[in-house]
Amino acid sequence: MALEYGAAHDFPVCVNRCGVLAGAGQFGTPDQGIFSYWINAHLRRCPLKYLGFDGQCRQVRDLFHPRDLASLLNAQIRTFRTGGCRVYTAGGGPDRAMSLAQLNRWCDARFGAYLPESDATEWPYDIPWMIMDNSQARRDFGWTPAISLDQVLEGIAMHAEKQPDWLERSGL
């Protein structure tokens, strides 16, 4: 609808299909994204479980910081275009990707070892690898994410350590 409105009124519209946004300040609940949730739950030794893929949690996702999304939006606003590509994929790309098992190893190094349970049940809609391709946004707006994977994870961890009431606020 937004694209149709833009076309009908000669108004520049872009649609950004985003990957996993992650950063300090999220509540660390499942609906806020798996990275923040996992880091908060690992820190507090809440029950965690590897699901699917033989219970090894090898599924890979990329993440990117909300400031990187803001940077893309700013570049799109500065570039007044009513034609050309209108739908963009935005995410962290391969440099900001990891499996949940890798994230757990990162948490182990940061907070001490904590082994999640394993559930090998197959999930019909789970995908083994999903990395966002930012090449069109890079081509059209000169945009690439700037905040590294480790910076995002460390920011979440530092924020989580300062939020002792996370469980009460998250509703878990």
C-alpha atoms as a PDB file:
ATOM      1  CA  MET A   1       0.000   0.000   0.000  1.00  0.00           C
ATOM      2  CA  ALA A   2       2.814   2.386   0.818  1.00  0.00           C
ATOM      3  CA  LEU A   3       4.430   1.802  -2.582  1.00  0.00           C
ATOM      4  CA  GLU A   4       1.097   2.348  -4.346  1.00  0.00           C
ATOM      5  CA  TYR A   5       0.493   5.571  -2.407  1.00  0.00           C
ATOM      6  CA  GLY A   6       3.951   6.819  -3.322  1.00  0.00           C
ATOM      7  CA  ALA A   7       3.402   6.009  -7.000  1.00  0.00           C
ATOM      8  CA  ALA A   8      -0.035   7.639  -7.031  1.00  0.00           C
ATOM      9  CA  HIS A   9       1.177  10.869  -5.422  1.00  0.00           C
ATOM     10  CA  ASP A  10       4.740  11.044  -6.756  1.00  0.00           C
ATOM     11  CA  PHE A  11       5.968  10.598  -3.217  1.00  0.00           C
ATOM     12  CA  PRO A  12       9.289   8.828  -2.505  1.00  0.00           C
ATOM     13  CA  VAL A  13       8.691   5.593  -0.604  1.00  0.00           C
ATOM     14  CA  CYS A  14      11.147   2.866   0.328  1.00  0.00           C
ATOM     15  CA  VAL A  15      10.311  -0.382   2.055  1.00  0.00           C
ATOM     16  CA  ASN A  16      13.073  -1.884   4.156  1.00  0.00           C
ATOM     17  CA  ARG A  17      12.845  -5.599   4.891  1.00  0.00           C
ATOM     18  CA  CYS A  18      15.011  -5.894   7.973  1.00  0.00           C
ATOM     19  CA  GLY A  19      16.832  -8.798   9.488  1.00  0.00           C
ATOM     20  CA  VAL A  20      17.342  -9.176  13.226  1.00  0.00           C
ATOM     21  CA  LEU A  21      17.704  -5.816  14.943  1.00  0.00           C
ATOM     22  CA  ALA A  22      19.719  -6.130  18.138  1.00  0.00           C
ATOM     23  CA  GLY A  23      21.122  -3.709  20.653  1.00  0.00           C
ATOM     24  CA  ALA A  24      21.289  -2.514  24.223  1.00  0.00           C
ATOM     25  CA  GLY A  25      17.977  -1.244  25.515  1.00  0.00           C
ATOM     26  CA  GLN A  26      15.881  -4.108  24.238  1.00  0.00           C
ATOM     27  CA  PHE A  27      14.037  -5.875  27.015  1.00  0.00           C
ATOM     28  CA  GLY A  28      15.577  -9.224  26.166  1.00  0.00           C
ATOM     29  CA  THR A  29      12.249 -10.933  25.583  1.00  0.00           C
ATOM     30  CA  PRO A  30      11.693 -13.410  22.756  1.00  0.00           C
ATOM     31  CA  ASP A  31       9.666 -10.853  20.794  1.00  0.00           C
ATOM     32  CA  GLN A  32      12.539  -8.365  21.070  1.00  0.00           C
ATOM     33  CA  GLY A  33      14.930 -10.635  19.194  1.00  0.00           C
ATOM     34  CA  ILE A  34      16.848 -13.791  19.879  1.00  0.00           C
ATOM     35  CA  PHE A  35      20.231 -12.168  20.504  1.00  0.00           C
ATOM     36  CA  SER A  36      19.079  -9.937  23.375  1.00  0.00           C
ATOM     37  CA  TYR A  37      16.900 -12.683  24.791  1.00  0.00           C
ATOM     38  CA  TRP A  38      19.685 -15.284  24.742  1.00  0.00           C
ATOM     39  CA  ILE A  39      22.264 -12.968  26.314  1.00  0.00           C
ATOM     40  CA  ASN A  40      19.891 -11.920  29.119  1.00  0.00           C
ATOM     41  CA  ALA A  41      18.732 -15.487  29.773  1.00  0.00           C
ATOM     42  CA  HIS A  42      22.304 -16.862  29.724  1.00  0.00           C
ATOM     43  CA  LEU A  43      23.511 -14.176  32.149  1.00  0.00           C
ATOM     44  CA  ARG A  44      20.691 -15.013  34.575  1.00  0.00           C
ATOM     45  CA  ARG A  45      20.857 -18.792  34.054  1.00  0.00           C
ATOM     46  CA  CYS A  46      17.270 -18.959  32.836  1.00  0.00           C
ATOM     47  CA  PRO A  47      16.216 -22.127  31.017  1.00  0.00           C
ATOM     48  CA  LEU A  48      17.507 -22.139  27.439  1.00  0.00           C
ATOM     49  CA  LYS A  49      16.991 -24.770  24.772  1.00  0.00           C
ATOM     50  CA  TYR A  50      18.549 -25.542  21.401  1.00  0.00           C
ATOM     51  CA  LEU A  51      15.639 -26.360  19.091  1.00  0.00           C
ATOM     52  CA  GLY A  52      15.721 -28.306  15.838  1.00  0.00           C
ATOM     53  CA  PHE A  53      18.611 -29.279  13.577  1.00  0.00           C
ATOM     54  CA  ASP A  54      19.546 -32.263  15.768  1.00  0.00           C
ATOM     55  CA  GLY A  55      19.353 -30.041  18.844  1.00  0.00           C
ATOM     56  CA  GLN A  56      22.711 -28.466  17.949  1.00  0.00           C
ATOM     57  CA  CYS A  57      21.362 -24.993  17.107  1.00  0.00           C
ATOM     58  CA  ARG A  58      23.436 -24.507  13.998  1.00  0.00           C
ATOM     59  CA  GLN A  59      20.908 -22.132  12.415  1.00  0.00           C
ATOM     60  CA  VAL A  60      22.687 -18.927  11.391  1.00  0.00           C
ATOM     61  CA  ARG A  61      21.230 -15.413  11.482  1.00  0.00           C
ATOM     62  CA  ASP A  62      22.769 -12.009  11.068  1.00  0.00           C
ATOM     63  CA  LEU A  63      22.102  -9.025  13.281  1.00  0.00           C
ATOM     64  CA  PHE A  64      22.394  -5.311  12.961  1.00  0.00           C
ATOM     65  CA  HIS A  65      22.092  -2.385  15.316  1.00  0.00           C
ATOM     66  CA  PRO A  66      19.174   0.087  15.230  1.00  0.00           C
ATOM     67  CA  ARG A  67      21.692   2.926  14.681  1.00  0.00           C
ATOM     68  CA  ASP A  68      22.687   1.197  11.429  1.00  0.00           C
ATOM     69  CA  LEU A  69      19.027   1.120  10.381  1.00  0.00           C
ATOM     70  CA  ALA A  70      18.736   4.826  11.270  1.00  0.00           C
ATOM     71  CA  SER A  71      21.771   5.480   9.089  1.00  0.00           C
ATOM     72  CA  LEU A  72      20.063   3.728   6.159  1.00  0.00           C
ATOM     73  CA  LEU A  73      16.830   5.667   6.696  1.00  0.00           C
ATOM     74  CA  ASN A  74      18.801   8.919   6.802  1.00  0.00           C
ATOM     75  CA  ALA A  75      20.538   8.055   3.516  1.00  0.00           C
ATOM     76  CA  GLN A  76      17.193   7.203   1.917  1.00  0.00           C
ATOM     77  CA  ILE A  77      15.594  10.457   3.099  1.00  0.00           C
ATOM     78  CA  ARG A  78      18.521  12.511   1.765  1.00  0.00           C
ATOM     79  CA  THR A  79      18.186  10.806  -1.634  1.00  0.00           C
ATOM     80  CA  PHE A  80      14.841  11.955  -2.999  1.00  0.00           C
ATOM     81  CA  ARG A  81      13.903   9.297  -5.549  1.00  0.00           C
ATOM     82  CA  THR A  82      10.512   8.447  -6.954  1.00  0.00           C
ATOM     83  CA  GLY A  83      11.804   5.797  -9.371  1.00  0.00           C
ATOM     84  CA  GLY A  84      14.118   2.814  -9.275  1.00  0.00           C
ATOM     85  CA  CYS A  85      14.297   0.129  -6.637  1.00  0.00           C
ATOM     86  CA  ARG A  86      11.763   0.650  -3.853  1.00  0.00           C
ATOM     87  CA  VAL A  87      12.210  -2.457  -1.686  1.00  0.00           C
ATOM     88  CA  TYR A  88      15.495  -3.024   0.133  1.00  0.00           C
ATOM     89  CA  THR A  89      16.884  -5.749   2.343  1.00  0.00           C
ATOM     90  CA  ALA A  90      18.728  -4.470   5.397  1.00  0.00           C
ATOM     91  CA  GLY A  91      20.711  -6.520   7.864  1.00  0.00           C
ATOM     92  CA  GLY A  92      24.128  -7.213   9.236  1.00  0.00           C
ATOM     93  CA  GLY A  93      25.351  -9.372   6.371  1.00  0.00           C
ATOM     94  CA  PRO A  94      27.914 -12.171   6.646  1.00  0.00           C
ATOM     95  CA  ASP A  95      30.272 -10.182   8.907  1.00  0.00           C
ATOM     96  CA  ARG A  96      27.574  -9.950  11.580  1.00  0.00           C
ATOM     97  CA  ALA A  97      26.237 -13.498  11.456  1.00  0.00           C
ATOM     98  CA  MET A  98      26.451 -16.398  13.878  1.00  0.00           C
ATOM     99  CA  SER A  99      24.590 -19.497  14.978  1.00  0.00           C
ATOM    100  CA  LEU A 100      22.892 -19.759  18.341  1.00  0.00           C
ATOM    101  CA  ALA A 101      25.566 -22.282  19.341  1.00  0.00           C
ATOM    102  CA  GLN A 102      28.224 -19.657  18.522  1.00  0.00           C
ATOM    103  CA  LEU A 103      26.277 -17.049  20.494  1.00  0.00           C
ATOM    104  CA  ASN A 104      26.154 -19.427  23.454  1.00  0.00           C
ATOM    105  CA  ARG A 105      29.950 -19.887  23.252  1.00  0.00           C
ATOM    106  CA  TRP A 106      30.301 -16.069  23.215  1.00  0.00           C
ATOM    107  CA  CYS A 107      28.080 -15.912  26.328  1.00  0.00           C
ATOM    108  CA  ASP A 108      30.102 -18.704  27.975  1.00  0.00           C
ATOM    109  CA  ALA A 109      33.283 -16.671  27.503  1.00  0.00           C
ATOM    110  CA  ARG A 110      31.589 -13.506  28.809  1.00  0.00           C
ATOM    111  CA  PHE A 111      29.488 -14.872  31.714  1.00  0.00           C
ATOM    112  CA  GLY A 112      30.781 -18.390  32.420  1.00  0.00           C
ATOM    113  CA  ALA A 113      29.748 -21.747  31.010  1.00  0.00           C
ATOM    114  CA  TYR A 114      26.042 -22.551  30.798  1.00  0.00           C
ATOM    115  CA  LEU A 115      24.767 -25.444  28.717  1.00  0.00           C
ATOM    116  CA  PRO A 116      21.270 -25.155  27.200  1.00  0.00           C
ATOM    117  CA  GLU A 117      19.013 -28.182  26.906  1.00  0.00           C
ATOM    118  CA  SER A 118      18.761 -29.852  23.523  1.00  0.00           C
ATOM    119  CA  ASP A 119      15.569 -30.643  21.586  1.00  0.00           C
ATOM    120  CA  ALA A 120      16.072 -32.340  18.205  1.00  0.00           C
ATOM    121  CA  THR A 121      12.392 -32.010  17.222  1.00  0.00           C
ATOM    122  CA  GLU A 122      12.139 -30.807  13.629  1.00  0.00           C
ATOM    123  CA  TRP A 123      10.474 -27.419  13.148  1.00  0.00           C
ATOM    124  CA  PRO A 124       8.720 -27.198   9.769  1.00  0.00           C
ATOM    125  CA  TYR A 125       9.423 -23.507   9.147  1.00  0.00           C
ATOM    126  CA  ASP A 126      12.954 -23.194  10.458  1.00  0.00           C
ATOM    127  CA  ILE A 127      15.640 -22.207   7.976  1.00  0.00           C
ATOM    128  CA  PRO A 128      19.276 -23.222   8.444  1.00  0.00           C
ATOM    129  CA  TRP A 129      20.885 -20.014   7.157  1.00  0.00           C
ATOM    130  CA  MET A 130      19.434 -16.524   6.706  1.00  0.00           C
ATOM    131  CA  ILE A 131      21.805 -13.661   6.009  1.00  0.00           C
ATOM    132  CA  MET A 132      20.577 -10.339   4.658  1.00  0.00           C
ATOM    133  CA  ASP A 133      22.029  -9.076   1.370  1.00  0.00           C
ATOM    134  CA  ASN A 134      22.618  -5.327   1.580  1.00  0.00           C
ATOM    135  CA  SER A 135      24.053  -4.939  -1.912  1.00  0.00           C
ATOM    136  CA  GLN A 136      21.151  -2.877  -3.324  1.00  0.00           C
ATOM    137  CA  ALA A 137      21.202  -0.448  -0.382  1.00  0.00           C
ATOM    138  CA  ARG A 138      24.983  -0.168  -0.749  1.00  0.00           C
ATOM    139  CA  ARG A 139      24.634   0.473  -4.496  1.00  0.00           C
ATOM    140  CA  ASP A 140      21.814   3.027  -4.257  1.00  0.00           C
ATOM    141  CA  PHE A 141      22.683   4.832  -1.007  1.00  0.00           C
ATOM    142  CA  GLY A 142      26.304   3.967  -0.233  1.00  0.00           C
ATOM    143  CA  TRP A 143      25.078   2.307   2.975  1.00  0.00           C
ATOM    144  CA  THR A 144      26.683  -0.512   4.879  1.00  0.00           C
ATOM    145  CA  PRO A 145      26.257  -1.360   8.559  1.00  0.00           C
ATOM    146  CA  ALA A 146      29.005   0.160  10.695  1.00  0.00           C
ATOM    147  CA  ILE A 147      28.559  -1.413  14.128  1.00  0.00           C
ATOM    148  CA  SER A 148      30.367  -4.748  14.429  1.00  0.00           C
ATOM    149  CA  LEU A 149      28.915  -8.005  15.701  1.00  0.00           C
ATOM    150  CA  ASP A 150      31.067  -7.899  18.827  1.00  0.00           C
ATOM    151  CA  GLN A 151      30.107  -4.267  19.541  1.00  0.00           C
ATOM    152  CA  VAL A 152      26.410  -5.159  19.362  1.00  0.00           C
ATOM    153  CA  LEU A 153      26.798  -8.234  21.581  1.00  0.00           C
ATOM    154  CA  GLU A 154      28.980  -6.428  24.114  1.00  0.00           C
ATOM    155  CA  GLY A 155      26.508  -3.517  24.236  1.00  0.00           C
ATOM    156  CA  ILE A 156      23.644  -5.910  24.969  1.00  0.00           C
ATOM    157  CA  ALA A 157      25.701  -7.706  27.631  1.00  0.00           C
ATOM    158  CA  MET A 158      26.709  -4.481  29.388  1.00  0.00           C
ATOM    159  CA  HIS A 159      23.100  -3.281  29.367  1.00  0.00           C
ATOM    160  CA  ALA A 160      21.873  -6.649  30.666  1.00  0.00           C
ATOM    161  CA  GLU A 161      24.329  -6.563  33.560  1.00  0.00           C
ATOM    162  CA  LYS A 162      22.931  -3.172  34.607  1.00  0.00           C
ATOM    163  CA  GLN A 163      19.311  -4.422  34.582  1.00  0.00           C
ATOM    164  CA  PRO A 164      18.883  -6.748  37.580  1.00  0.00           C
ATOM    165  CA  ASP A 165      15.079  -6.501  37.307  1.00  0.00           C
ATOM    166  CA  TRP A 166      15.049  -7.784  33.724  1.00  0.00           C
ATOM    167  CA  LEU A 167      12.919 -10.826  34.544  1.00  0.00           C
ATOM    168  CA  GLU A 168      10.222  -8.744  36.223  1.00  0.00           C
ATOM    169  CA  ARG A 169      10.149  -6.182  33.385  1.00  0.00           C
ATOM    170  CA  SER A 170      10.186  -8.809  30.645  1.00  0.00           C
ATOM    171  CA  GLY A 171       7.201 -10.714  31.989  1.00  0.00           C
ATOM    172  CA  LEU A 172       9.104 -14.046  31.943  1.00  0.00           C
END
